């Protein structure tokens, strides 16, 4: 019974967040109220606040921890002969390929808000830092280095910077696929950016 209850909660949470993202896109972040979000999601305002205590939290990466766990598993399973960057690219391609259409659409909407709305960016800065920490830990484990090694730190910073840059580009080119842009940006890093 509790499994069904958790699934229902997850669906409700996703539906609320999806409606919020659509309203943020159509009406603007500042102009959208929690009451409007509740009405669009066909739930009571108290239900919205139960799942999302602030408007900014509606754009946070709600699935972050499960994504981070899956990232670690897939990354460590990559062939040993791949460089860390090649393994990272293969991992992200695999993770993005396994998103359902609804998950992919919600992720795209959320990602563009993160890079275009300052309040949403601020709400997600800690998760970006946490994401960098996870990447550093996984790269360190794979390479036999310490996560605070300057090469691991530099690698992680370059990867996160390239991904954020690709998402910023995608915000101006919404017809592009964000996963493809991130892969292309990481490909440029892998090639050495010799120009």
Protein backbone atom coordinates (compact mmCIF):
# COMPACT_ATOMS: atom_id res chain seq x y z
CA UNK A 1 0.00 0.00 0.00
CA UNK A 2 2.76 2.46 0.89
CA UNK A 3 4.37 1.82 -2.53
CA UNK A 4 1.20 2.96 -4.28
CA UNK A 5 0.94 5.96 -1.98
CA UNK A 6 4.53 6.98 -2.80
CA UNK A 7 3.87 6.59 -6.52
CA UNK A 8 0.78 8.79 -6.22
CA UNK A 9 2.78 11.41 -4.31
CA UNK A 10 5.49 11.36 -6.97
CA UNK A 11 2.90 11.80 -9.74
CA UNK A 12 1.24 14.66 -7.86
CA UNK A 13 4.59 16.34 -7.27
CA UNK A 14 5.54 15.99 -10.95
CA UNK A 15 2.15 17.31 -12.11
CA UNK A 16 2.40 20.37 -9.85
CA UNK A 17 5.95 21.09 -10.95
CA UNK A 18 5.08 20.67 -14.62
CA UNK A 19 2.18 23.13 -14.38
CA UNK A 20 4.37 25.58 -12.51
CA UNK A 21 7.05 25.41 -15.18
CA UNK A 22 4.49 25.99 -17.92
CA UNK A 23 3.12 29.01 -16.07
CA UNK A 24 6.61 30.39 -15.40
CA UNK A 25 7.37 30.10 -19.09
CA UNK A 26 4.06 31.62 -20.26
CA UNK A 27 3.45 34.29 -17.59
CA UNK A 28 6.88 34.87 -16.13
CA UNK A 29 8.25 33.77 -12.80
CA UNK A 30 7.37 36.93 -10.86
CA UNK A 31 3.84 37.13 -12.26
CA UNK A 32 2.90 33.56 -11.38
CA UNK A 33 1.31 32.94 -7.98
CA UNK A 34 1.18 29.74 -5.97
CA UNK A 35 -2.63 29.92 -6.21
CA UNK A 36 -2.44 29.99 -10.02
CA UNK A 37 -0.16 26.98 -9.93
CA UNK A 38 -2.58 25.12 -7.67
CA UNK A 39 -5.49 25.90 -10.00
CA UNK A 40 -3.55 24.76 -13.07
CA UNK A 41 -2.54 21.50 -11.32
CA UNK A 42 -6.11 21.03 -10.04
CA UNK A 43 -5.02 20.76 -6.40
CA UNK A 44 -5.53 22.90 -3.33
CA UNK A 45 -2.95 25.63 -2.59
CA UNK A 46 -2.11 23.78 0.64
CA UNK A 47 -1.13 20.75 -1.48
CA UNK A 48 1.28 22.88 -3.51
CA UNK A 49 2.85 24.23 -0.29
CA UNK A 50 3.11 20.71 1.15
CA UNK A 51 5.29 19.63 -1.77
CA UNK A 52 6.96 22.97 -2.52
CA UNK A 53 7.40 25.43 0.38
CA UNK A 54 8.54 28.28 -1.92
CA UNK A 55 7.99 29.28 -5.51
CA UNK A 56 11.70 28.83 -6.22
CA UNK A 57 11.55 25.24 -4.99
CA UNK A 58 9.15 24.44 -7.85
CA UNK A 59 12.09 24.62 -10.24
CA UNK A 60 14.54 22.63 -8.15
CA UNK A 61 15.82 19.30 -9.40
CA UNK A 62 13.35 17.16 -7.49
CA UNK A 63 14.79 13.96 -8.88
CA UNK A 64 18.38 14.95 -8.13
CA UNK A 65 19.27 12.20 -5.65
CA UNK A 66 17.96 9.34 -7.77
CA UNK A 67 19.71 10.86 -10.81
CA UNK A 68 22.98 11.18 -8.85
CA UNK A 69 22.78 7.56 -7.69
CA UNK A 70 22.11 6.34 -11.21
CA UNK A 71 24.90 8.56 -12.55
CA UNK A 72 27.41 6.93 -10.20
CA UNK A 73 26.34 3.42 -11.18
CA UNK A 74 26.44 4.07 -14.93
CA UNK A 75 29.69 6.07 -14.77
CA UNK A 76 31.56 3.40 -12.82
CA UNK A 77 30.30 0.72 -15.24
CA UNK A 78 31.90 2.42 -18.26
CA UNK A 79 34.81 0.52 -19.85
CA UNK A 80 38.11 1.11 -18.04
CA UNK A 81 39.90 2.11 -21.25
CA UNK A 82 37.70 5.21 -21.64
CA UNK A 83 39.05 8.50 -20.34
CA UNK A 84 37.05 10.13 -17.56
CA UNK A 85 35.59 12.60 -20.05
CA UNK A 86 34.63 9.91 -22.56
CA UNK A 87 33.07 7.88 -19.72
CA UNK A 88 31.15 10.95 -18.56
CA UNK A 89 29.82 11.64 -22.05
CA UNK A 90 28.74 8.01 -22.46
CA UNK A 91 27.07 8.11 -19.05
CA UNK A 92 25.07 11.25 -19.79
CA UNK A 93 23.99 9.94 -23.19
CA UNK A 94 22.74 6.75 -21.53
CA UNK A 95 20.93 8.59 -18.73
CA UNK A 96 19.24 11.05 -21.09
CA UNK A 97 18.23 8.21 -23.44
CA UNK A 98 16.35 6.47 -20.61
CA UNK A 99 14.20 9.47 -19.63
CA UNK A 100 10.52 9.06 -20.42
CA UNK A 101 9.07 11.73 -22.74
CA UNK A 102 7.37 13.40 -19.74
CA UNK A 103 10.59 13.34 -17.70
CA UNK A 104 12.57 14.76 -20.62
CA UNK A 105 10.03 17.55 -21.22
CA UNK A 106 9.93 18.48 -17.52
CA UNK A 107 13.72 18.43 -17.30
CA UNK A 108 14.06 20.67 -20.36
CA UNK A 109 11.54 23.18 -19.05
CA UNK A 110 13.21 23.25 -15.64
CA UNK A 111 16.73 23.52 -17.04
CA UNK A 112 15.93 26.54 -19.20
CA UNK A 113 14.33 28.27 -16.20
CA UNK A 114 17.45 27.59 -14.13
CA UNK A 115 19.67 29.45 -16.58
CA UNK A 116 17.25 32.28 -17.43
CA UNK A 117 15.57 33.26 -14.12
CA UNK A 118 17.92 34.58 -11.41
CA UNK A 119 15.69 33.44 -8.51
CA UNK A 120 15.55 29.91 -9.90
CA UNK A 121 19.31 29.90 -10.49
CA UNK A 122 19.79 30.91 -6.84
CA UNK A 123 17.44 28.15 -5.69
CA UNK A 124 19.54 25.56 -7.53
CA UNK A 125 23.08 26.75 -6.76
CA UNK A 126 23.45 24.33 -3.86
CA UNK A 127 22.34 21.44 -6.07
CA UNK A 128 24.85 22.49 -8.73
CA UNK A 129 27.56 22.45 -6.06
CA UNK A 130 26.36 19.05 -4.92
CA UNK A 131 26.40 17.84 -8.53
CA UNK A 132 30.00 19.03 -8.88
CA UNK A 133 30.88 17.17 -5.68
CA UNK A 134 29.30 13.96 -7.00
CA UNK A 135 31.17 14.26 -10.31
CA UNK A 136 34.44 14.88 -8.43
CA UNK A 137 33.89 11.85 -6.19
CA UNK A 138 33.06 9.59 -9.12
CA UNK A 139 36.02 10.79 -11.21
CA UNK A 140 38.33 10.40 -8.21
CA UNK A 141 37.09 6.86 -7.58
CA UNK A 142 37.47 5.92 -11.24
CA UNK A 143 40.96 7.42 -11.58
CA UNK A 144 42.33 6.45 -8.17
CA UNK A 145 42.85 10.08 -7.19
CA UNK A 146 41.63 12.17 -4.29
CA UNK A 147 38.53 14.25 -5.03
CA UNK A 148 40.46 17.36 -3.91
CA UNK A 149 43.34 16.70 -6.34
CA UNK A 150 43.78 19.82 -8.50
CA UNK A 151 43.31 17.81 -11.69
CA UNK A 152 40.01 16.36 -10.43
CA UNK A 153 38.85 19.80 -9.28
CA UNK A 154 39.83 21.37 -12.62
CA UNK A 155 38.16 18.58 -14.59
CA UNK A 156 34.96 18.93 -12.56
CA UNK A 157 34.87 22.72 -12.93
CA UNK A 158 35.38 22.47 -16.67
CA UNK A 159 32.62 19.87 -17.04
CA UNK A 160 30.09 21.82 -14.95
CA UNK A 161 30.99 25.06 -16.74
CA UNK A 162 30.60 23.43 -20.16
CA UNK A 163 27.21 21.97 -19.18
CA UNK A 164 25.90 25.28 -17.83
CA UNK A 165 27.19 27.05 -20.94
CA UNK A 166 25.41 24.53 -23.17
CA UNK A 167 22.16 25.03 -21.24
CA UNK A 168 22.51 28.82 -21.57
CA UNK A 169 22.96 28.37 -25.32
CA UNK A 170 19.92 26.11 -25.41
CA UNK A 171 17.82 28.81 -23.71
CA UNK A 172 18.45 30.91 -26.85
CA UNK A 173 18.03 27.95 -29.22
CA UNK A 174 15.01 26.03 -27.83
CA UNK A 175 14.69 23.96 -30.99
CA UNK A 176 18.01 22.25 -30.16
CA UNK A 177 18.26 19.21 -27.90
CA UNK A 178 19.91 20.12 -24.56
CA UNK A 179 21.48 16.67 -24.20
CA UNK A 180 23.08 17.04 -27.63
CA UNK A 181 24.38 20.52 -26.76
CA UNK A 182 25.91 19.27 -23.50
CA UNK A 183 27.50 16.36 -25.34
CA UNK A 184 28.87 18.73 -28.00
CA UNK A 185 30.30 21.04 -25.33
CA UNK A 186 31.96 18.11 -23.56
CA UNK A 187 33.21 16.92 -26.94
CA UNK A 188 34.96 20.26 -27.41
CA UNK A 189 36.60 19.82 -24.00
CA UNK A 190 37.65 16.32 -24.99
CA UNK A 191 39.17 17.62 -28.24
CA UNK A 192 41.24 20.09 -26.24
CA UNK A 193 39.73 23.38 -27.47
CA UNK A 194 42.79 24.05 -29.64
CA UNK A 195 41.79 27.17 -31.60
